[in-house]
Amino acid sequence: MRPIVEAVPNFSEGRDSRFVDRVVAAFRSRGAQVLDSSMDPDHHRSVVTVIGAPAHVAEGALAAAAIALDAIDLRAHRGVHPRIGALDVLPLVPLEGISSRELVSMAHALAHRIAALGIPVFFYGAASHPPGRGLASLRRGGFEALAAGGTLQTADVEGEAGPSSGPHRVVHPTAGATCLGVRPVLLAWNVDIRGVPLETLREIAGPLRERDGGFPGLRTLPLSLPMQGRTQISMNLEDPVRTPPEVVFKAIESEVLRRGGEVVDTEVIGMLPDALSTPEAAAQIRLRDWSEDRVLSNRLAAYREAATRTRDE
């Protein structure tokens, strides 16, 4: 079985579609298949989802890092989503034919190539030492705190990938740093809400997250979306089978209604896991824009079939 890897790079640019076009073209020109891309002006963030052979995905990611370095200046960046880098987060996901351990080795090699651009790289998930470091510990305080030397001291980053030459630094002056991780497939989703202020939303979102005794594998981030005139609970759900999305959604909706607000709808960033592979499952969380083409396992099967046909020709 040939190895297939997914990458879901997050960039700190959500208002210029030309930037996303450049990133998409970079991945495609290096042999990776782009499954999805999205932008959000309030988050000031874009996300691209690609799959392919490990080498193709790695080459595309390196090219994307160079594009972000060229195009994004975090000193002028203002958005509601936490970030420390132009290429802020680069998760790699083993889909088939490659183990998590093997992908960690690839991630570390890729990190040193990104660091050669002058961008420090910090590891999370299975790629960190020891495994399991969370993103929140890396992004606390954002680019500004990191640039001021506030959140990551030299002792914290021993063994991480730093710039290959020049003085050691924890952050690039304009591109910040990149968080590179290896993780399983997860559900990245946002529930949009009307009529509930941010402070009240924090009271709703906090008890839902695993860290505060809520749902297993759930991370929540309450946000205000001033350009869209609403608030939002932005979430990652690590295991949508163990913790069904509809159960989380119903808990959110119940608390929002109790406080006089309204749940507008749900968006999924990137691809849909099998827990949302049917219209009926999607309807239970009021998901916008459901289609079979958005289901990761469907696209993986199509990619595998196309690769088999190419080999047989």
C-alpha atoms as a PDB file:
ATOM      1  CA  MET A   1       0.000   0.000   0.000  1.00  0.00           C
ATOM      2  CA  ARG A   2       1.440   3.339  -1.035  1.00  0.00           C
ATOM      3  CA  PRO A   3       1.602   5.927   1.751  1.00  0.00           C
ATOM      4  CA  ILE A   4      -0.884   8.801   1.678  1.00  0.00           C
ATOM      5  CA  VAL A   5      -0.574  11.834   3.930  1.00  0.00           C
ATOM      6  CA  GLU A   6      -2.936  14.720   4.615  1.00  0.00           C
ATOM      7  CA  ALA A   7      -1.735  18.237   5.434  1.00  0.00           C
ATOM      8  CA  VAL A   8      -3.978  21.052   6.686  1.00  0.00           C
ATOM      9  CA  PRO A   9      -1.831  24.207   6.763  1.00  0.00           C
ATOM     10  CA  ASN A  10      -3.330  27.290   8.443  1.00  0.00           C
ATOM     11  CA  PHE A  11      -2.123  30.696   7.256  1.00  0.00           C
ATOM     12  CA  SER A  12      -2.520  34.145   8.818  1.00  0.00           C
ATOM     13  CA  GLU A  13      -4.175  35.636   5.737  1.00  0.00           C
ATOM     14  CA  GLY A  14      -7.945  35.605   5.380  1.00  0.00           C
ATOM     15  CA  ARG A  15      -8.734  38.610   3.192  1.00  0.00           C
ATOM     16  CA  ASP A  16      -6.702  38.187   0.004  1.00  0.00           C
ATOM     17  CA  SER A  17      -7.836  35.313  -2.218  1.00  0.00           C
ATOM     18  CA  ARG A  18      -4.751  35.739  -4.397  1.00  0.00           C
ATOM     19  CA  PHE A  19      -2.633  34.446  -1.536  1.00  0.00           C
ATOM     20  CA  VAL A  20      -4.686  31.256  -1.284  1.00  0.00           C
ATOM     21  CA  ASP A  21      -4.501  30.842  -5.057  1.00  0.00           C
ATOM     22  CA  ARG A  22      -0.696  30.938  -4.853  1.00  0.00           C
ATOM     23  CA  VAL A  23      -0.628  28.328  -2.095  1.00  0.00           C
ATOM     24  CA  VAL A  24      -3.037  26.027  -3.939  1.00  0.00           C
ATOM     25  CA  ALA A  25      -0.953  26.312  -7.111  1.00  0.00           C
ATOM     26  CA  ALA A  26       2.227  25.511  -5.171  1.00  0.00           C
ATOM     27  CA  PHE A  27       0.811  22.276  -3.794  1.00  0.00           C
ATOM     28  CA  ARG A  28      -0.656  21.202  -7.123  1.00  0.00           C
ATOM     29  CA  SER A  29       2.551  21.889  -9.039  1.00  0.00           C
ATOM     30  CA  ARG A  30       4.388  19.558  -6.672  1.00  0.00           C
ATOM     31  CA  GLY A  31       1.995  16.660  -7.134  1.00  0.00           C
ATOM     32  CA  ALA A  32      -0.303  17.004  -4.113  1.00  0.00           C
ATOM     33  CA  GLN A  33      -4.089  17.035  -4.532  1.00  0.00           C
ATOM     34  CA  VAL A  34      -5.908  20.019  -3.039  1.00  0.00           C
ATOM     35  CA  LEU A  35      -9.206  18.940  -1.474  1.00  0.00           C
ATOM     36  CA  ASP A  36     -10.422  22.194   0.058  1.00  0.00           C
ATOM     37  CA  SER A  37      -9.549  25.790   0.842  1.00  0.00           C
ATOM     38  CA  SER A  38     -11.341  28.428   2.898  1.00  0.00           C
ATOM     39  CA  MET A  39     -10.845  31.962   4.205  1.00  0.00           C
ATOM     40  CA  ASP A  40     -12.363  33.986   7.041  1.00  0.00           C
ATOM     41  CA  PRO A  41     -11.938  37.783   7.236  1.00  0.00           C
ATOM     42  CA  ASP A  42     -12.676  38.015  10.973  1.00  0.00           C
ATOM     43  CA  HIS A  43     -10.240  35.243  11.821  1.00  0.00           C
ATOM     44  CA  HIS A  44      -7.927  36.734   9.129  1.00  0.00           C
ATOM     45  CA  ARG A  45      -6.981  33.144   8.439  1.00  0.00           C
ATOM     46  CA  SER A  46      -7.060  30.648   5.594  1.00  0.00           C
ATOM     47  CA  VAL A  47      -6.912  26.861   5.647  1.00  0.00           C
ATOM     48  CA  VAL A  48      -5.937  24.546   2.792  1.00  0.00           C
ATOM     49  CA  THR A  49      -6.415  20.767   2.859  1.00  0.00           C
ATOM     50  CA  VAL A  50      -4.247  18.541   0.676  1.00  0.00           C
ATOM     51  CA  ILE A  51      -3.456  14.837   0.343  1.00  0.00           C
ATOM     52  CA  GLY A  52      -0.774  12.973  -1.525  1.00  0.00           C
ATOM     53  CA  ALA A  53       2.473  11.061  -1.367  1.00  0.00           C
ATOM     54  CA  PRO A  54       4.590  12.192   1.600  1.00  0.00           C
ATOM     55  CA  ALA A  55       7.302  13.727  -0.592  1.00  0.00           C
ATOM     56  CA  HIS A  56       4.770  15.677  -2.669  1.00  0.00           C
ATOM     57  CA  VAL A  57       3.019  17.017   0.420  1.00  0.00           C
ATOM     58  CA  ALA A  58       6.333  17.977   2.037  1.00  0.00           C
ATOM     59  CA  GLU A  59       7.560  19.833  -1.053  1.00  0.00           C
ATOM     60  CA  GLY A  60       4.260  21.681  -1.325  1.00  0.00           C
ATOM     61  CA  ALA A  61       4.350  22.623   2.354  1.00  0.00           C
ATOM     62  CA  LEU A  62       7.876  23.999   2.033  1.00  0.00           C
ATOM     63  CA  ALA A  63       6.827  26.084  -0.974  1.00  0.00           C
ATOM     64  CA  ALA A  64       3.759  27.313   0.936  1.00  0.00           C
ATOM     65  CA  ALA A  65       5.956  28.353   3.863  1.00  0.00           C
ATOM     66  CA  ALA A  66       8.088  30.422   1.487  1.00  0.00           C
ATOM     67  CA  ILE A  67       4.974  32.054  -0.001  1.00  0.00           C
ATOM     68  CA  ALA A  68       3.682  32.943   3.470  1.00  0.00           C
ATOM     69  CA  LEU A  69       7.084  34.355   4.427  1.00  0.00           C
ATOM     70  CA  ASP A  70       7.006  36.570   1.339  1.00  0.00           C
ATOM     71  CA  ALA A  71       3.383  37.708   1.609  1.00  0.00           C
ATOM     72  CA  ILE A  72       2.509  38.080   5.304  1.00  0.00           C
ATOM     73  CA  ASP A  73       3.786  40.604   7.837  1.00  0.00           C
ATOM     74  CA  LEU A  74       2.413  39.727  11.258  1.00  0.00           C
ATOM     75  CA  ARG A  75       3.304  43.153  12.614  1.00  0.00           C
ATOM     76  CA  ALA A  76       0.343  44.494  10.609  1.00  0.00           C
ATOM     77  CA  HIS A  77      -1.919  41.457  11.086  1.00  0.00           C
ATOM     78  CA  ARG A  78      -5.145  41.839  13.085  1.00  0.00           C
ATOM     79  CA  GLY A  79      -7.579  38.963  13.454  1.00  0.00           C
ATOM     80  CA  VAL A  80      -9.616  37.314  16.211  1.00  0.00           C
ATOM     81  CA  HIS A  81      -7.941  33.887  15.949  1.00  0.00           C
ATOM     82  CA  PRO A  82      -4.763  33.219  17.977  1.00  0.00           C
ATOM     83  CA  ARG A  83      -1.616  32.971  15.845  1.00  0.00           C
ATOM     84  CA  ILE A  84       2.157  33.064  16.122  1.00  0.00           C
ATOM     85  CA  GLY A  85       3.128  32.564  12.488  1.00  0.00           C
ATOM     86  CA  ALA A  86       2.472  33.453   8.864  1.00  0.00           C
ATOM     87  CA  LEU A  87       2.310  29.712   8.255  1.00  0.00           C
ATOM     88  CA  ASP A  88       0.834  29.353  11.710  1.00  0.00           C
ATOM     89  CA  VAL A  89       0.014  25.666  12.004  1.00  0.00           C
ATOM     90  CA  LEU A  90       1.009  22.728   9.821  1.00  0.00           C
ATOM     91  CA  PRO A  91      -0.646  19.475  10.936  1.00  0.00           C
ATOM     92  CA  LEU A  92       0.313  16.276   9.119  1.00  0.00           C
ATOM     93  CA  VAL A  93      -2.066  13.311   9.233  1.00  0.00           C
ATOM     94  CA  PRO A  94      -1.181   9.697   8.341  1.00  0.00           C
ATOM     95  CA  LEU A  95      -4.076   8.395   6.232  1.00  0.00           C
ATOM     96  CA  GLU A  96      -2.805   5.032   5.009  1.00  0.00           C
ATOM     97  CA  GLY A  97       0.395   3.136   4.307  1.00  0.00           C
ATOM     98  CA  ILE A  98       2.432   5.182   6.790  1.00  0.00           C
ATOM     99  CA  SER A  99       2.644   5.057  10.575  1.00  0.00           C
ATOM    100  CA  SER A 100       2.527   8.009  12.919  1.00  0.00           C
ATOM    101  CA  ARG A 101       6.144   7.308  13.890  1.00  0.00           C
ATOM    102  CA  GLU A 102       7.250   7.376  10.256  1.00  0.00           C
ATOM    103  CA  LEU A 103       5.377  10.613   9.681  1.00  0.00           C
ATOM    104  CA  VAL A 104       7.032  12.184  12.724  1.00  0.00           C
ATOM    105  CA  SER A 105      10.422  11.528  11.114  1.00  0.00           C
ATOM    106  CA  MET A 106       9.210  13.246   7.947  1.00  0.00           C
ATOM    107  CA  ALA A 107       7.824  16.150  10.002  1.00  0.00           C
ATOM    108  CA  HIS A 108      11.155  16.707  11.744  1.00  0.00           C
ATOM    109  CA  ALA A 109      13.017  16.695   8.420  1.00  0.00           C
ATOM    110  CA  LEU A 110      10.510  19.154   6.942  1.00  0.00           C
ATOM    111  CA  ALA A 111      10.819  21.381  10.011  1.00  0.00           C
ATOM    112  CA  HIS A 112      14.538  21.825   9.465  1.00  0.00           C
ATOM    113  CA  ARG A 113      13.917  22.793   5.838  1.00  0.00           C
ATOM    114  CA  ILE A 114      11.367  25.404   6.931  1.00  0.00           C
ATOM    115  CA  ALA A 115      13.802  26.614   9.594  1.00  0.00           C
ATOM    116  CA  ALA A 116      16.391  27.117   6.858  1.00  0.00           C
ATOM    117  CA  LEU A 117      14.108  29.903   5.583  1.00  0.00           C
ATOM    118  CA  GLY A 118      14.694  31.651   8.914  1.00  0.00           C
ATOM    119  CA  ILE A 119      11.398  30.546  10.478  1.00  0.00           C
ATOM    120  CA  PRO A 120      11.633  28.721  13.819  1.00  0.00           C
ATOM    121  CA  VAL A 121       9.469  25.595  14.038  1.00  0.00           C
ATOM    122  CA  PHE A 122       7.923  24.187  17.215  1.00  0.00           C
ATOM    123  CA  PHE A 123       6.455  20.700  17.436  1.00  0.00           C
ATOM    124  CA  TYR A 124       3.123  19.582  18.871  1.00  0.00           C
ATOM    125  CA  GLY A 125       1.034  16.424  18.981  1.00  0.00           C
ATOM    126  CA  ALA A 126       2.934  13.232  18.199  1.00  0.00           C
ATOM    127  CA  ALA A 127       5.861  15.259  16.808  1.00  0.00           C
ATOM    128  CA  SER A 128       6.817  16.915  20.113  1.00  0.00           C
ATOM    129  CA  HIS A 129       9.251  15.693  22.797  1.00  0.00           C
ATOM    130  CA  PRO A 130       7.613  14.175  24.757  1.00  0.00           C
ATOM    131  CA  PRO A 131       4.619  13.547  22.483  1.00  0.00           C
ATOM    132  CA  GLY A 132       1.369  15.317  23.239  1.00  0.00           C
ATOM    133  CA  ARG A 133       2.247  18.999  23.519  1.00  0.00           C
ATOM    134  CA  GLY A 134      -0.840  21.102  22.807  1.00  0.00           C
ATOM    135  CA  LEU A 135      -1.122  24.069  20.467  1.00  0.00           C
ATOM    136  CA  ALA A 136      -2.455  26.320  23.210  1.00  0.00           C
ATOM    137  CA  SER A 137       0.848  26.190  25.090  1.00  0.00           C
ATOM    138  CA  LEU A 138       2.678  27.402  21.974  1.00  0.00           C
ATOM    139  CA  ARG A 139       0.270  30.148  20.936  1.00  0.00           C
ATOM    140  CA  ARG A 140      -0.539  31.676  24.309  1.00  0.00           C
ATOM    141  CA  GLY A 141      -0.118  35.425  23.983  1.00  0.00           C
ATOM    142  CA  GLY A 142       0.188  35.264  20.201  1.00  0.00           C
ATOM    143  CA  PHE A 143       2.899  36.591  17.921  1.00  0.00           C
ATOM    144  CA  GLU A 144       3.298  39.762  19.954  1.00  0.00           C
ATOM    145  CA  ALA A 145       4.150  37.918  23.180  1.00  0.00           C
ATOM    146  CA  LEU A 146       6.458  35.547  21.333  1.00  0.00           C
ATOM    147  CA  ALA A 147       8.268  38.419  19.625  1.00  0.00           C
ATOM    148  CA  ALA A 148       8.746  40.054  23.024  1.00  0.00           C
ATOM    149  CA  GLY A 149      10.220  36.823  24.410  1.00  0.00           C
ATOM    150  CA  GLY A 150       7.246  36.288  26.658  1.00  0.00           C
ATOM    151  CA  THR A 151       5.927  32.763  26.203  1.00  0.00           C
ATOM    152  CA  LEU A 152       8.687  30.533  24.812  1.00  0.00           C
ATOM    153  CA  GLN A 153      12.098  30.760  26.407  1.00  0.00           C
ATOM    154  CA  THR A 154      15.192  29.001  25.072  1.00  0.00           C
ATOM    155  CA  ALA A 155      14.884  26.256  27.697  1.00  0.00           C
ATOM    156  CA  ASP A 156      11.386  25.442  26.456  1.00  0.00           C
ATOM    157  CA  VAL A 157      12.445  24.831  22.874  1.00  0.00           C
ATOM    158  CA  GLU A 158      15.540  22.671  23.292  1.00  0.00           C
ATOM    159  CA  GLY A 159      15.608  20.206  20.416  1.00  0.00           C
ATOM    160  CA  GLU A 160      13.260  22.214  18.208  1.00  0.00           C
ATOM    161  CA  ALA A 161      14.161  23.372  14.706  1.00  0.00           C
ATOM    162  CA  GLY A 162      15.689  26.837  14.703  1.00  0.00           C
ATOM    163  CA  PRO A 163      17.163  28.918  11.894  1.00  0.00           C
ATOM    164  CA  SER A 164      20.069  27.141  10.255  1.00  0.00           C
ATOM    165  CA  SER A 165      22.332  30.179  10.395  1.00  0.00           C
ATOM    166  CA  GLY A 166      22.633  33.503  12.151  1.00  0.00           C
ATOM    167  CA  PRO A 167      21.847  34.273  15.801  1.00  0.00           C
ATOM    168  CA  HIS A 168      19.321  32.087  17.606  1.00  0.00           C
ATOM    169  CA  ARG A 169      15.894  33.643  17.795  1.00  0.00           C
ATOM    170  CA  VAL A 170      12.506  32.391  18.897  1.00  0.00           C
ATOM    171  CA  VAL A 171      10.562  34.295  16.245  1.00  0.00           C
ATOM    172  CA  HIS A 172      11.029  35.632  12.720  1.00  0.00           C
ATOM    173  CA  PRO A 173      10.444  39.420  12.758  1.00  0.00           C
ATOM    174  CA  THR A 174       7.607  39.306  10.199  1.00  0.00           C
ATOM    175  CA  ALA A 175       6.689  35.616   9.754  1.00  0.00           C
ATOM    176  CA  GLY A 176       6.804  34.574  13.405  1.00  0.00           C
ATOM    177  CA  ALA A 177       7.138  30.833  13.946  1.00  0.00           C
ATOM    178  CA  THR A 178       5.412  27.701  12.673  1.00  0.00           C
ATOM    179  CA  CYS A 179       3.765  24.986  14.783  1.00  0.00           C
ATOM    180  CA  LEU A 180       4.242  21.624  13.064  1.00  0.00           C
ATOM    181  CA  GLY A 181       2.470  18.531  14.356  1.00  0.00           C
ATOM    182  CA  VAL A 182       1.433  14.986  13.599  1.00  0.00           C
ATOM    183  CA  ARG A 183      -2.095  14.037  14.645  1.00  0.00           C
ATOM    184  CA  PRO A 184      -5.031  11.794  13.689  1.00  0.00           C
ATOM    185  CA  VAL A 185      -8.015  12.984  11.654  1.00  0.00           C
ATOM    186  CA  LEU A 186     -10.123  15.402  13.696  1.00  0.00           C
ATOM    187  CA  LEU A 187     -13.172  17.629  13.248  1.00  0.00           C
ATOM    188  CA  ALA A 188     -12.454  21.364  13.028  1.00  0.00           C
ATOM    189  CA  TRP A 189     -15.781  23.187  13.265  1.00  0.00           C
ATOM    190  CA  ASN A 190     -17.320  26.511  14.183  1.00  0.00           C
ATOM    191  CA  VAL A 191     -20.824  27.087  15.523  1.00  0.00           C
ATOM    192  CA  ASP A 192     -22.088  30.587  14.678  1.00  0.00           C
ATOM    193  CA  ILE A 193     -24.348  32.294  17.196  1.00  0.00           C
ATOM    194  CA  ARG A 194     -26.497  35.426  17.178  1.00  0.00           C
ATOM    195  CA  GLY A 195     -27.734  37.409  20.167  1.00  0.00           C
ATOM    196  CA  VAL A 196     -25.170  36.247  22.744  1.00  0.00           C
ATOM    197  CA  PRO A 197     -22.305  38.592  23.734  1.00  0.00           C
ATOM    198  CA  LEU A 198     -18.759  37.275  23.916  1.00  0.00           C
ATOM    199  CA  GLU A 199     -18.576  37.318  27.712  1.00  0.00           C
ATOM    200  CA  THR A 200     -21.686  35.140  27.938  1.00  0.00           C
ATOM    201  CA  LEU A 201     -20.334  32.881  25.216  1.00  0.00           C
ATOM    202  CA  ARG A 202     -17.247  32.271  27.346  1.00  0.00           C
ATOM    203  CA  GLU A 203     -19.546  30.988  30.097  1.00  0.00           C
ATOM    204  CA  ILE A 204     -21.053  28.542  27.602  1.00  0.00           C
ATOM    205  CA  ALA A 205     -17.864  27.395  25.896  1.00  0.00           C
ATOM    206  CA  GLY A 206     -15.693  26.872  28.976  1.00  0.00           C
ATOM    207  CA  PRO A 207     -17.558  23.997  30.647  1.00  0.00           C
ATOM    208  CA  LEU A 208     -17.880  22.154  27.317  1.00  0.00           C
ATOM    209  CA  ARG A 209     -14.148  21.594  26.800  1.00  0.00           C
ATOM    210  CA  GLU A 210     -12.414  18.487  28.094  1.00  0.00           C
ATOM    211  CA  ARG A 211      -9.894  20.519  30.090  1.00  0.00           C
ATOM    212  CA  ASP A 212     -12.704  21.929  32.225  1.00  0.00           C
ATOM    213  CA  GLY A 213     -14.540  18.636  32.707  1.00  0.00           C
ATOM    214  CA  GLY A 214     -16.647  18.675  29.544  1.00  0.00           C
ATOM    215  CA  PHE A 215     -16.711  16.467  26.478  1.00  0.00           C
ATOM    216  CA  PRO A 216     -13.732  14.143  25.846  1.00  0.00           C
ATOM    217  CA  GLY A 217     -11.390  15.441  23.162  1.00  0.00           C
ATOM    218  CA  LEU A 218     -13.159  18.797  22.747  1.00  0.00           C
ATOM    219  CA  ARG A 219     -11.309  22.117  22.642  1.00  0.00           C
ATOM    220  CA  THR A 220     -13.328  25.337  22.444  1.00  0.00           C
ATOM    221  CA  LEU A 221     -12.529  28.961  21.695  1.00  0.00           C
ATOM    222  CA  PRO A 222     -15.254  31.645  21.950  1.00  0.00           C
ATOM    223  CA  LEU A 223     -14.786  34.431  19.408  1.00  0.00           C
ATOM    224  CA  SER A 224     -16.472  37.649  18.302  1.00  0.00           C
ATOM    225  CA  LEU A 225     -16.956  38.132  14.546  1.00  0.00           C
ATOM    226  CA  PRO A 226     -17.508  41.888  14.129  1.00  0.00           C
ATOM    227  CA  MET A 227     -17.530  41.819  10.314  1.00  0.00           C
ATOM    228  CA  GLN A 228     -20.327  39.250  10.365  1.00  0.00           C
ATOM    229  CA  GLY A 229     -22.262  40.650  13.319  1.00  0.00           C
ATOM    230  CA  ARG A 230     -22.260  37.464  15.381  1.00  0.00           C
ATOM    231  CA  THR A 231     -20.250  35.394  17.818  1.00  0.00           C
ATOM    232  CA  GLN A 232     -18.822  31.924  17.380  1.00  0.00           C
ATOM    233  CA  ILE A 233     -17.581  28.898  19.276  1.00  0.00           C
ATOM    234  CA  SER A 234     -14.588  27.609  17.332  1.00  0.00           C
ATOM    235  CA  MET A 235     -13.808  23.982  18.162  1.00  0.00           C
ATOM    236  CA  ASN A 236     -11.581  20.999  17.526  1.00  0.00           C
ATOM    237  CA  LEU A 237     -13.002  17.562  18.282  1.00  0.00           C
ATOM    238  CA  GLU A 238     -10.285  14.929  18.406  1.00  0.00           C
ATOM    239  CA  ASP A 239     -12.504  11.835  18.141  1.00  0.00           C
ATOM    240  CA  PRO A 240     -15.942  12.437  16.563  1.00  0.00           C
ATOM    241  CA  VAL A 241     -16.859   8.774  17.083  1.00  0.00           C
ATOM    242  CA  ARG A 242     -16.197   8.793  20.812  1.00  0.00           C
ATOM    243  CA  THR A 243     -17.832  12.214  21.195  1.00  0.00           C
ATOM    244  CA  PRO A 244     -20.583  12.604  18.558  1.00  0.00           C
ATOM    245  CA  PRO A 245     -20.737  16.153  17.151  1.00  0.00           C
ATOM    246  CA  GLU A 246     -24.520  16.274  17.473  1.00  0.00           C
ATOM    247  CA  VAL A 247     -24.274  15.772  21.244  1.00  0.00           C
ATOM    248  CA  VAL A 248     -21.921  18.747  21.535  1.00  0.00           C
ATOM    249  CA  PHE A 249     -24.122  20.814  19.222  1.00  0.00           C
ATOM    250  CA  LYS A 250     -27.256  20.113  21.264  1.00  0.00           C
ATOM    251  CA  ALA A 251     -25.463  21.155  24.447  1.00  0.00           C
ATOM    252  CA  ILE A 252     -24.406  24.427  22.819  1.00  0.00           C
ATOM    253  CA  GLU A 253     -27.863  25.100  21.398  1.00  0.00           C
ATOM    254  CA  SER A 254     -29.537  24.434  24.739  1.00  0.00           C
ATOM    255  CA  GLU A 255     -27.326  26.941  26.563  1.00  0.00           C
ATOM    256  CA  VAL A 256     -27.601  29.555  23.801  1.00  0.00           C
ATOM    257  CA  LEU A 257     -31.400  29.351  23.757  1.00  0.00           C
ATOM    258  CA  ARG A 258     -31.520  29.541  27.550  1.00  0.00           C
ATOM    259  CA  ARG A 259     -29.661  32.852  27.332  1.00  0.00           C
ATOM    260  CA  GLY A 260     -31.954  34.280  24.669  1.00  0.00           C
ATOM    261  CA  GLY A 261     -29.683  33.708  21.683  1.00  0.00           C
ATOM    262  CA  GLU A 262     -29.907  31.715  18.468  1.00  0.00           C
ATOM    263  CA  VAL A 263     -27.619  29.154  16.840  1.00  0.00           C
ATOM    264  CA  VAL A 264     -27.289  30.226  13.202  1.00  0.00           C
ATOM    265  CA  ASP A 265     -25.440  27.288  11.656  1.00  0.00           C
ATOM    266  CA  THR A 266     -22.224  25.266  11.700  1.00  0.00           C
ATOM    267  CA  GLU A 267     -19.240  25.339   9.373  1.00  0.00           C
ATOM    268  CA  VAL A 268     -16.587  22.659   9.120  1.00  0.00           C
ATOM    269  CA  ILE A 269     -13.073  23.776   8.228  1.00  0.00           C
ATOM    270  CA  GLY A 270     -11.509  21.345   5.800  1.00  0.00           C
ATOM    271  CA  MET A 271     -12.911  17.879   5.236  1.00  0.00           C
ATOM    272  CA  LEU A 272     -15.715  15.989   6.964  1.00  0.00           C
ATOM    273  CA  PRO A 273     -14.962  12.885   9.042  1.00  0.00           C
ATOM    274  CA  ASP A 274     -17.144   9.798   8.676  1.00  0.00           C
ATOM    275  CA  ALA A 275     -19.246  10.935  11.637  1.00  0.00           C
ATOM    276  CA  LEU A 276     -20.691  13.564   9.255  1.00  0.00           C
ATOM    277  CA  SER A 277     -20.743  11.452   6.092  1.00  0.00           C
ATOM    278  CA  THR A 278     -24.533  11.570   5.601  1.00  0.00           C
ATOM    279  CA  PRO A 279     -26.979  14.462   5.087  1.00  0.00           C
ATOM    280  CA  GLU A 280     -28.894  13.289   8.147  1.00  0.00           C
ATOM    281  CA  ALA A 281     -25.825  13.547  10.388  1.00  0.00           C
ATOM    282  CA  ALA A 282     -24.986  16.958   8.916  1.00  0.00           C
ATOM    283  CA  ALA A 283     -28.509  18.228   9.544  1.00  0.00           C
ATOM    284  CA  GLN A 284     -28.225  17.390  13.239  1.00  0.00           C
ATOM    285  CA  ILE A 285     -25.528  20.049  13.651  1.00  0.00           C
ATOM    286  CA  ARG A 286     -27.083  22.437  11.118  1.00  0.00           C
ATOM    287  CA  LEU A 287     -24.050  22.102   8.853  1.00  0.00           C
ATOM    288  CA  ARG A 288     -23.857  24.449   5.893  1.00  0.00           C
ATOM    289  CA  ASP A 289     -22.622  23.255   2.488  1.00  0.00           C
ATOM    290  CA  TRP A 290     -22.707  19.480   3.016  1.00  0.00           C
ATOM    291  CA  SER A 291     -21.807  17.328   0.026  1.00  0.00           C
ATOM    292  CA  GLU A 292     -20.365  13.871  -0.567  1.00  0.00           C
ATOM    293  CA  ASP A 293     -17.243  15.496  -2.010  1.00  0.00           C
ATOM    294  CA  ARG A 294     -16.488  17.035   1.368  1.00  0.00           C
ATOM    295  CA  VAL A 295     -16.232  13.649   3.115  1.00  0.00           C
ATOM    296  CA  LEU A 296     -12.558  12.784   3.571  1.00  0.00           C
ATOM    297  CA  SER A 297     -12.984   9.025   3.160  1.00  0.00           C
ATOM    298  CA  ASN A 298     -14.802   9.556  -0.162  1.00  0.00           C
ATOM    299  CA  ARG A 299     -12.016  11.753  -1.514  1.00  0.00           C
ATOM    300  CA  LEU A 300      -9.374   9.355  -0.244  1.00  0.00           C
ATOM    301  CA  ALA A 301     -11.070   6.469  -2.074  1.00  0.00           C
ATOM    302  CA  ALA A 302     -11.236   8.518  -5.282  1.00  0.00           C
ATOM    303  CA  TYR A 303      -7.563   9.484  -4.941  1.00  0.00           C
ATOM    304  CA  ARG A 304      -6.595   5.855  -4.385  1.00  0.00           C
ATOM    305  CA  GLU A 305      -8.613   4.714  -7.399  1.00  0.00           C
ATOM    306  CA  ALA A 306      -7.078   7.374  -9.648  1.00  0.00           C
ATOM    307  CA  ALA A 307      -3.577   6.420  -8.512  1.00  0.00           C
ATOM    308  CA  THR A 308      -4.286   2.758  -9.277  1.00  0.00           C
ATOM    309  CA  ARG A 309      -5.532   3.606 -12.774  1.00  0.00           C
ATOM    310  CA  THR A 310      -2.422   5.688 -13.430  1.00  0.00           C
ATOM    311  CA  ARG A 311      -0.131   2.823 -12.394  1.00  0.00           C
ATOM    312  CA  ASP A 312      -2.032   0.371 -14.624  1.00  0.00           C
ATOM    313  CA  GLU A 313      -1.889   2.543 -17.743  1.00  0.00           C
END
